[in-house]
Amino acid sequence: MQNRTLFFGDNLDILREKIPDNFFDLIYLDPPFNSQKSYNILFKEGLIENHAQIKAFEDSWHWTREAKKAFEELVGVRKSQTSVNQDISNLMQALEKLIGHNDVLAYLTMMTIRLIELRRVLKSTGTLYLHCDSTAGHYLKIILDAVFGKNNFRNEIIWCYRGAGYPKKDFGKRHDIIFRYTRTNNYIFNLDAVREKYAKATKERFKHYIGNIRKGKDFGVQTLHPLGRHPDDWWQI
C-alpha cells in the first residue's frame, strides 16, 4: 500500500480486505455517535428493518439487521471473518442483557468488531487513540479492555474545551475523552515530540535553587528540560 493512501467505503471491509497484520504505528479514531440525542432515546429498543430508512452519514448508529448480524458474529452464533475470543463473546452477551437491543448496543457492536480488526493491523510497538464522550465512553473502556487487554491501557485523556450555553439542572458538559491503548508493553512513546512550554511562573521559580530532598537525601539541583514539560492527561484546547 502506498503512503498517503485514502480509502472510501466501510472501514470494516477495507480493514479485512486491504490491510495486512501489524501494519500501522498509530491509529486515531473519532467514531460518529449522536450524543446530542436524549440519553433515554438512545436506549429505546426497536429493530429498523431497512437500512435505507436511515439518512446517509447521520451521526449515529441504529439497531438494524446489519448490526444484529455483526452482534451474532461477536457472540459466535454466526460465522465471522474476525477472530473473536470468549471474553469478547461473554462481554457482548452481558451488554445485551444490560442495555437491550437499541442504538447504544448497535454502536458498541459495530465498534467492537472494528476494534478487533484495528488491533490486528496495529504494530506490536503501536498505539491506538479512541476519541469519545460520556455517552458511551464507559462501555467502550470495557470493550477496549477485552480487545486489547486491560494491561495495555495507558491513559484516559480528558480534552477540556469551552462552549456556549449551560443546562439549567446539570453541570456544564465541557470535555471529551480519549482512551489510549497499546498493542503490547513494547510500545513507542515519543515524549520529546509532545512536550509543552513551561509556564512563566515555573521558569521564574527555577531561576533559583530548588531543594530536592526526599527522606533526608538531597538529589541536587532541579532543572527544566530544554524541550519543555512532560504533558498531563488533561488538555485545555
Protein backbone atom coordinates (compact mmCIF):
# COMPACT_ATOMS: atom_id res chain seq x y z
CA MET A 1 0.00 0.00 0.00
CA GLN A 2 1.34 3.42 -0.97
CA ASN A 3 1.89 6.11 1.65
CA ARG A 4 -0.96 8.66 1.98
CA THR A 5 -3.50 6.23 0.53
CA LEU A 6 -7.10 7.29 1.08
CA PHE A 7 -9.81 4.61 1.12
CA PHE A 8 -13.50 5.39 0.68
CA GLY A 9 -16.03 2.89 1.99
CA ASP A 10 -16.93 0.82 5.03
CA ASN A 11 -13.77 0.67 7.12
CA LEU A 12 -14.57 -2.87 8.30
CA ASP A 13 -14.48 -4.17 4.71
CA ILE A 14 -11.32 -2.18 3.97
CA LEU A 15 -9.56 -3.43 7.11
CA ARG A 16 -10.42 -7.04 6.30
CA GLU A 17 -9.62 -6.91 2.58
CA LYS A 18 -6.84 -4.34 2.23
CA ILE A 19 -4.81 -4.02 5.42
CA PRO A 20 -2.27 -6.68 6.49
CA ASP A 21 -1.40 -7.63 10.07
CA ASN A 22 0.98 -5.48 12.12
CA PHE A 23 0.89 -2.58 9.67
CA PHE A 24 0.26 0.74 11.47
CA ASP A 25 2.38 2.58 14.04
CA LEU A 26 -0.51 4.73 15.26
CA ILE A 27 -4.30 4.67 14.92
CA TYR A 28 -6.63 7.53 15.86
CA LEU A 29 -10.40 7.24 15.56
CA ASP A 30 -13.26 9.59 16.37
CA PRO A 31 -16.29 7.37 15.59
CA PRO A 32 -19.60 9.15 14.98
CA PHE A 33 -22.26 8.86 17.63
CA ASN A 34 -25.13 11.26 18.11
CA SER A 35 -24.56 12.22 21.72
CA GLN A 36 -26.86 15.24 21.32
CA LYS A 37 -29.89 12.93 21.46
CA SER A 38 -31.72 12.34 24.71
CA TYR A 39 -29.91 9.64 26.66
CA ASN A 40 -33.21 7.79 27.11
CA ILE A 41 -33.96 7.88 23.37
CA LEU A 42 -30.62 6.21 22.65
CA PHE A 43 -31.70 3.27 24.81
CA LYS A 44 -35.12 2.92 23.20
CA GLU A 45 -35.47 -0.58 21.77
CA GLY A 46 -36.57 -1.35 18.24
CA LEU A 47 -35.23 -3.00 15.08
CA ILE A 48 -35.07 -0.84 11.95
CA GLU A 49 -35.74 -3.26 9.11
CA ASN A 50 -34.45 -1.18 6.22
CA HIS A 51 -31.05 0.48 6.47
CA ALA A 52 -32.12 2.82 3.64
CA GLN A 53 -34.55 4.42 6.07
CA ILE A 54 -31.59 5.98 7.81
CA LYS A 55 -30.34 9.30 6.47
CA ALA A 56 -26.90 8.94 4.85
CA PHE A 57 -23.98 9.98 7.07
CA GLU A 58 -26.26 10.52 10.05
CA ASP A 59 -24.12 10.92 13.15
CA SER A 60 -25.41 7.83 14.95
CA TRP A 61 -25.84 4.06 14.86
CA HIS A 62 -29.11 2.14 14.84
CA TRP A 63 -30.16 -1.41 15.77
CA THR A 64 -30.66 -2.76 12.23
CA ARG A 65 -30.34 -6.20 10.68
CA GLU A 66 -26.74 -5.29 9.84
CA ALA A 67 -26.00 -4.53 13.50
CA LYS A 68 -27.78 -7.73 14.57
CA LYS A 69 -25.65 -9.74 12.13
CA ALA A 70 -22.44 -8.23 13.50
CA PHE A 71 -23.59 -8.96 17.06
CA GLU A 72 -24.19 -12.61 16.17
CA GLU A 73 -20.65 -12.80 14.75
CA LEU A 74 -19.23 -11.46 18.01
CA VAL A 75 -21.13 -13.90 20.24
CA GLY A 76 -20.34 -16.86 17.99
CA VAL A 77 -23.84 -17.55 16.66
CA ARG A 78 -22.82 -16.63 13.12
CA LYS A 79 -19.54 -17.43 11.34
CA SER A 80 -17.21 -14.44 11.32
CA GLN A 81 -14.11 -13.29 9.43
CA THR A 82 -13.00 -11.66 12.66
CA SER A 83 -11.11 -13.61 15.32
CA VAL A 84 -13.35 -13.43 18.40
CA ASN A 85 -12.28 -14.78 21.80
CA GLN A 86 -14.55 -16.00 24.59
CA ASP A 87 -14.06 -12.86 26.69
CA ILE A 88 -15.50 -10.70 23.91
CA SER A 89 -18.40 -13.09 23.38
CA ASN A 90 -19.22 -13.07 27.08
CA LEU A 91 -18.96 -9.29 27.25
CA MET A 92 -21.29 -8.70 24.30
CA GLN A 93 -23.89 -11.06 25.75
CA ALA A 94 -23.65 -9.25 29.10
CA LEU A 95 -24.11 -5.88 27.37
CA GLU A 96 -27.15 -7.25 25.53
CA LYS A 97 -28.75 -8.27 28.83
CA LEU A 98 -27.89 -4.95 30.44
CA ILE A 99 -28.91 -2.41 27.79
CA GLY A 100 -31.13 -4.31 25.33
CA HIS A 101 -31.43 -4.02 21.55
CA ASN A 102 -31.11 -0.32 20.79
CA ASP A 103 -28.87 2.35 19.25
CA VAL A 104 -26.30 2.03 22.04
CA LEU A 105 -25.87 -1.72 21.59
CA ALA A 106 -25.67 -1.20 17.82
CA TYR A 107 -22.91 1.36 18.33
CA LEU A 108 -20.97 -0.88 20.72
CA THR A 109 -21.38 -3.88 18.40
CA MET A 110 -20.15 -2.02 15.33
CA MET A 111 -17.27 -0.56 17.34
CA THR A 112 -16.21 -3.90 18.82
CA ILE A 113 -16.00 -5.75 15.53
CA ARG A 114 -13.88 -2.91 14.11
CA LEU A 115 -11.64 -2.58 17.18
CA ILE A 116 -10.73 -6.26 16.85
CA GLU A 117 -9.54 -5.58 13.30
CA LEU A 118 -7.75 -2.38 14.36
CA ARG A 119 -5.80 -4.32 16.96
CA ARG A 120 -4.82 -6.84 14.28
CA VAL A 121 -3.40 -4.18 11.95
CA LEU A 122 -1.57 -2.31 14.75
CA LYS A 123 2.15 -3.00 15.15
CA SER A 124 3.43 -4.54 18.37
CA THR A 125 5.05 -1.16 19.10
CA GLY A 126 1.94 0.79 18.07
CA THR A 127 -0.67 2.84 19.91
CA LEU A 128 -4.40 3.41 19.42
CA TYR A 129 -6.24 6.60 20.45
CA LEU A 130 -10.05 6.37 20.64
CA HIS A 131 -11.93 9.67 20.94
CA CYS A 132 -15.40 9.54 22.54
CA ASP A 133 -17.60 11.28 25.12
CA SER A 134 -19.51 10.43 28.27
CA THR A 135 -22.50 8.97 26.39
CA ALA A 136 -20.90 5.56 25.83
CA GLY A 137 -17.28 6.04 26.91
CA HIS A 138 -17.69 3.83 29.99
CA TYR A 139 -18.87 0.95 27.80
CA LEU A 140 -16.07 1.48 25.27
CA LYS A 141 -13.48 1.30 28.06
CA ILE A 142 -14.65 -2.20 28.98
CA ILE A 143 -14.65 -3.26 25.32
CA LEU A 144 -11.12 -1.90 24.85
CA ASP A 145 -10.01 -3.87 27.91
CA ALA A 146 -11.44 -7.04 26.36
CA VAL A 147 -9.95 -6.42 22.89
CA PHE A 148 -6.52 -5.01 23.79
CA GLY A 149 -6.12 -6.40 27.29
CA LYS A 150 -6.53 -4.32 30.44
CA ASN A 151 -2.75 -4.32 30.96
CA ASN A 152 -2.34 -2.39 27.71
CA PHE A 153 -4.43 0.57 28.87
CA ARG A 154 -2.14 3.62 29.06
CA ASN A 155 -4.17 6.79 29.51
CA GLU A 156 -7.62 8.28 29.80
CA ILE A 157 -7.03 11.75 28.35
CA ILE A 158 -9.55 14.45 29.20
CA TRP A 159 -9.91 17.05 26.45
CA CYS A 160 -11.41 20.19 28.00
CA TYR A 161 -12.96 22.96 25.92
CA ARG A 162 -15.33 25.91 26.16
CA GLY A 163 -18.74 26.35 24.58
CA ALA A 164 -21.94 28.34 24.65
CA GLY A 165 -24.90 27.55 26.88
CA TYR A 166 -25.33 25.59 30.11
CA PRO A 167 -28.08 23.19 31.22
CA LYS A 168 -30.33 24.52 33.96
CA LYS A 169 -30.22 21.44 36.17
CA ASP A 170 -26.81 19.90 35.41
CA PHE A 171 -23.15 20.80 35.34
CA GLY A 172 -21.90 22.10 32.00
CA LYS A 173 -20.58 19.33 29.73
CA ARG A 174 -17.20 20.64 28.62
CA HIS A 175 -14.93 17.70 27.89
CA ASP A 176 -14.37 14.69 25.65
CA ILE A 177 -12.41 11.52 26.43
CA ILE A 178 -9.54 9.94 24.53
CA PHE A 179 -8.64 6.37 25.52
CA ARG A 180 -5.05 5.38 24.75
CA TYR A 181 -4.18 1.68 24.38
CA THR A 182 -1.13 -0.13 23.04
CA ARG A 183 -0.84 -3.49 21.32
CA THR A 184 1.87 -4.71 23.73
CA ASN A 185 4.06 -3.43 26.53
CA ASN A 186 6.85 -2.85 23.99
CA TYR A 187 5.35 0.38 22.67
CA ILE A 188 6.88 3.59 21.36
CA PHE A 189 6.09 6.91 23.03
CA ASN A 190 7.87 9.94 21.58
CA LEU A 191 7.80 12.16 24.66
CA ASP A 192 10.04 14.89 23.24
CA ALA A 193 7.66 15.36 20.30
CA VAL A 194 4.74 16.30 22.57
CA ARG A 195 6.42 18.35 25.29
CA GLU A 196 4.72 21.62 26.26
CA LYS A 197 6.06 25.05 27.14
CA TYR A 198 6.68 25.74 30.81
CA ALA A 199 4.55 28.37 32.47
CA LYS A 200 6.23 31.74 33.04
CA ALA A 201 5.91 31.31 36.82
CA THR A 202 7.67 27.95 36.60
CA LYS A 203 10.56 29.46 34.66
CA GLU A 204 10.92 32.23 37.23
CA ARG A 205 10.88 29.76 40.12
CA PHE A 206 13.59 27.60 38.59
CA LYS A 207 15.97 30.52 38.23
CA HIS A 208 16.80 29.89 41.89
CA TYR A 209 17.93 26.76 43.72
CA ILE A 210 15.01 24.49 44.49
CA GLY A 211 15.71 21.83 47.06
CA ASN A 212 15.02 18.26 46.04
CA ILE A 213 15.27 16.49 49.37
CA ARG A 214 13.39 13.25 49.92
CA LYS A 215 13.77 11.15 53.07
CA GLY A 216 16.75 13.20 54.11
CA LYS A 217 18.65 12.77 50.83
CA ASP A 218 19.42 15.79 48.65
CA PHE A 219 19.11 14.87 44.98
CA GLY A 220 20.73 18.12 43.90
CA VAL A 221 19.68 20.98 41.68
CA GLN A 222 16.47 20.59 39.72
CA THR A 223 16.50 21.88 36.16
CA LEU A 224 13.90 22.36 33.46
CA HIS A 225 14.03 20.19 30.37
CA PRO A 226 15.18 22.30 27.40
CA LEU A 227 12.36 20.96 25.17
CA GLY A 228 9.57 21.63 27.64
CA ARG A 229 7.44 19.96 30.29
CA HIS A 230 6.02 16.45 30.36
CA PRO A 231 2.33 16.80 29.29
CA ASP A 232 -0.51 15.74 31.59
CA ASP A 233 -3.51 13.55 30.75
CA TRP A 234 -5.88 16.53 30.54
CA TRP A 235 -5.72 19.02 27.69
CA GLN A 236 -7.21 22.53 27.63
CA ILE A 237 -7.99 23.26 23.99
